[in-house]
């Protein structure tokens, strides 16, 4: 059975492609979840219009992300934490802490966009990537300093 994909489906194809799949896969998975439509001429036109709208929206989001990346370039934030001997932190610095520090500098960034492999548990300076868009990533500098209170 031939279907037109309305969304990117892993290991099958990308949005707007006409693919041949088993009838049961189309009937039981792709069509009910609205991931695809039957490959008719009228549906091809509709999906093409949706794809064009999606491309325009994607280009706008990418442009906005690039502008934000230019503003964030070279941004350095300082987070103060209590630390014990050998510069070991009591607790850790997570993406939530970094997002709050960025919010204090007027950058409203979702914490899920901050690409921190694991929480920071030592004092020091770290470079943390922030993925603003699937094609736009900017590195910020995070300095974890001792809180002297």
Protein backbone atom coordinates (compact mmCIF):
# COMPACT_ATOMS: atom_id res chain seq x y z
CA UNK A 1 0.00 0.00 0.00
CA UNK A 2 1.34 3.45 -0.85
CA UNK A 3 1.01 6.26 1.69
CA UNK A 4 2.24 9.85 1.94
CA UNK A 5 4.04 10.64 5.19
CA UNK A 6 2.79 13.70 7.07
CA UNK A 7 5.59 13.55 9.65
CA UNK A 8 9.13 12.19 9.75
CA UNK A 9 8.95 8.49 10.66
CA UNK A 10 12.18 6.89 11.80
CA UNK A 11 13.48 4.12 9.50
CA UNK A 12 10.68 4.79 7.00
CA UNK A 13 11.02 8.26 5.50
CA UNK A 14 10.61 11.97 5.94
CA UNK A 15 7.67 14.33 5.66
CA UNK A 16 6.04 14.48 2.21
CA UNK A 17 7.56 11.26 0.85
CA UNK A 18 5.47 8.59 -0.87
CA UNK A 19 6.43 5.21 0.59
CA UNK A 20 5.21 1.66 0.10
CA UNK A 21 4.30 -0.12 3.34
CA UNK A 22 2.42 -3.21 4.39
CA UNK A 23 -1.36 -2.64 4.47
CA UNK A 24 -1.58 -3.66 8.14
CA UNK A 25 1.17 -1.21 9.16
CA UNK A 26 -0.64 1.60 7.37
CA UNK A 27 -4.11 0.64 8.63
CA UNK A 28 -3.14 -0.05 12.26
CA UNK A 29 -0.34 2.43 12.94
CA UNK A 30 0.33 5.17 10.38
CA UNK A 31 -3.24 6.18 9.51
CA UNK A 32 -4.78 6.19 13.05
CA UNK A 33 -1.86 8.26 14.41
CA UNK A 34 -2.15 10.64 11.47
CA UNK A 35 1.46 10.05 10.49
CA UNK A 36 0.41 9.29 6.91
CA UNK A 37 -2.47 9.53 4.45
CA UNK A 38 -3.40 7.32 1.51
CA UNK A 39 -1.52 8.22 -1.68
CA UNK A 40 -4.23 9.80 -3.85
CA UNK A 41 -3.82 12.81 -6.13
CA UNK A 42 -5.87 15.12 -3.89
CA UNK A 43 -3.95 14.02 -0.79
CA UNK A 44 -0.64 14.62 -2.59
CA UNK A 45 -1.63 18.25 -3.20
CA UNK A 46 -2.75 18.74 0.41
CA UNK A 47 0.43 17.20 1.84
CA UNK A 48 2.57 19.33 -0.49
CA UNK A 49 0.87 22.48 0.83
CA UNK A 50 1.44 21.31 4.42
CA UNK A 51 5.08 20.61 3.62
CA UNK A 52 5.59 24.10 2.17
CA UNK A 53 3.99 25.68 5.27
CA UNK A 54 6.20 23.55 7.50
CA UNK A 55 9.34 24.62 5.60
CA UNK A 56 8.42 28.30 5.96
CA UNK A 57 7.78 27.85 9.69
CA UNK A 58 11.04 25.93 10.12
CA UNK A 59 13.02 28.67 8.31
CA UNK A 60 11.49 31.34 10.55
CA UNK A 61 12.34 29.37 13.72
CA UNK A 62 15.89 28.80 12.50
CA UNK A 63 16.33 32.52 11.79
CA UNK A 64 15.10 33.42 15.27
CA UNK A 65 17.42 30.83 16.82
CA UNK A 66 20.40 32.22 14.87
CA UNK A 67 19.62 35.75 16.09
CA UNK A 68 19.42 34.51 19.68
CA UNK A 69 22.69 32.61 19.22
CA UNK A 70 24.42 35.85 18.14
CA UNK A 71 23.18 37.54 21.30
CA UNK A 72 24.25 34.62 23.51
CA UNK A 73 27.69 34.22 21.93
CA UNK A 74 30.34 34.71 24.59
CA UNK A 75 27.84 34.66 27.44
CA UNK A 76 29.41 33.72 30.74
CA UNK A 77 27.37 32.96 33.85
CA UNK A 78 28.50 32.39 37.41
CA UNK A 79 26.75 29.99 39.74
CA UNK A 80 27.69 30.02 43.42
CA UNK A 81 27.43 26.75 45.32
CA UNK A 82 28.62 25.55 48.69
CA UNK A 83 31.64 23.30 48.37
CA UNK A 84 33.66 21.15 50.72
CA UNK A 85 37.25 20.02 50.66
CA UNK A 86 38.94 19.35 47.30
CA UNK A 87 36.43 21.65 45.54
CA UNK A 88 33.68 19.01 45.73
CA UNK A 89 30.19 20.56 45.63
CA UNK A 90 27.49 19.85 48.19
CA UNK A 91 24.88 18.86 45.62
CA UNK A 92 25.37 19.64 41.93
CA UNK A 93 24.72 22.21 39.22
CA UNK A 94 22.01 20.98 36.83
CA UNK A 95 20.37 22.28 33.68
CA UNK A 96 17.69 23.89 35.87
CA UNK A 97 20.32 25.98 37.68
CA UNK A 98 21.88 27.06 34.38
CA UNK A 99 18.45 27.95 32.93
CA UNK A 100 17.67 30.07 36.01
CA UNK A 101 21.03 31.87 35.72
CA UNK A 102 20.31 32.57 32.04
CA UNK A 103 16.82 33.82 32.93
CA UNK A 104 18.42 36.29 35.35
CA UNK A 105 20.36 37.63 32.33
CA UNK A 106 17.09 37.88 30.31
CA UNK A 107 17.57 34.73 28.18
CA UNK A 108 14.45 32.58 28.52
CA UNK A 109 15.85 29.16 27.56
CA UNK A 110 14.03 25.87 28.20
CA UNK A 111 16.22 23.68 30.41
CA UNK A 112 15.80 20.74 28.01
CA UNK A 113 17.74 22.71 25.38
CA UNK A 114 20.81 22.84 27.61
CA UNK A 115 23.01 19.90 26.61
CA UNK A 116 24.65 18.95 29.91
CA UNK A 117 25.86 15.34 29.78
CA UNK A 118 25.83 14.98 33.56
CA UNK A 119 25.40 17.40 36.47
CA UNK A 120 28.45 19.48 37.43
CA UNK A 121 29.86 18.32 40.78
CA UNK A 122 33.17 20.23 40.96
CA UNK A 123 34.12 23.88 41.19
CA UNK A 124 35.59 25.27 37.98
CA UNK A 125 34.78 26.65 34.55
CA UNK A 126 32.80 24.60 32.06
CA UNK A 127 31.67 25.09 28.47
CA UNK A 128 28.04 24.04 28.07
CA UNK A 129 26.33 23.76 24.66
CA UNK A 130 22.79 25.14 24.31
CA UNK A 131 20.83 23.74 21.38
CA UNK A 132 18.47 26.50 20.28
CA UNK A 133 17.36 24.71 17.10
CA UNK A 134 18.22 21.40 15.49
CA UNK A 135 20.81 23.23 13.34
CA UNK A 136 21.82 26.02 15.78
CA UNK A 137 23.94 25.39 18.87
CA UNK A 138 25.79 27.99 20.94
CA UNK A 139 28.36 27.39 23.70
CA UNK A 140 28.14 29.32 26.95
CA UNK A 141 30.70 29.50 29.72
CA UNK A 142 29.56 28.40 33.18
CA UNK A 143 31.76 29.28 36.14
CA UNK A 144 30.94 27.34 39.30
CA UNK A 145 32.33 29.31 42.24
CA UNK A 146 32.44 28.73 45.98
CA UNK A 147 29.63 30.34 47.98
CA UNK A 148 31.36 32.04 50.94
CA UNK A 149 28.32 32.19 53.24
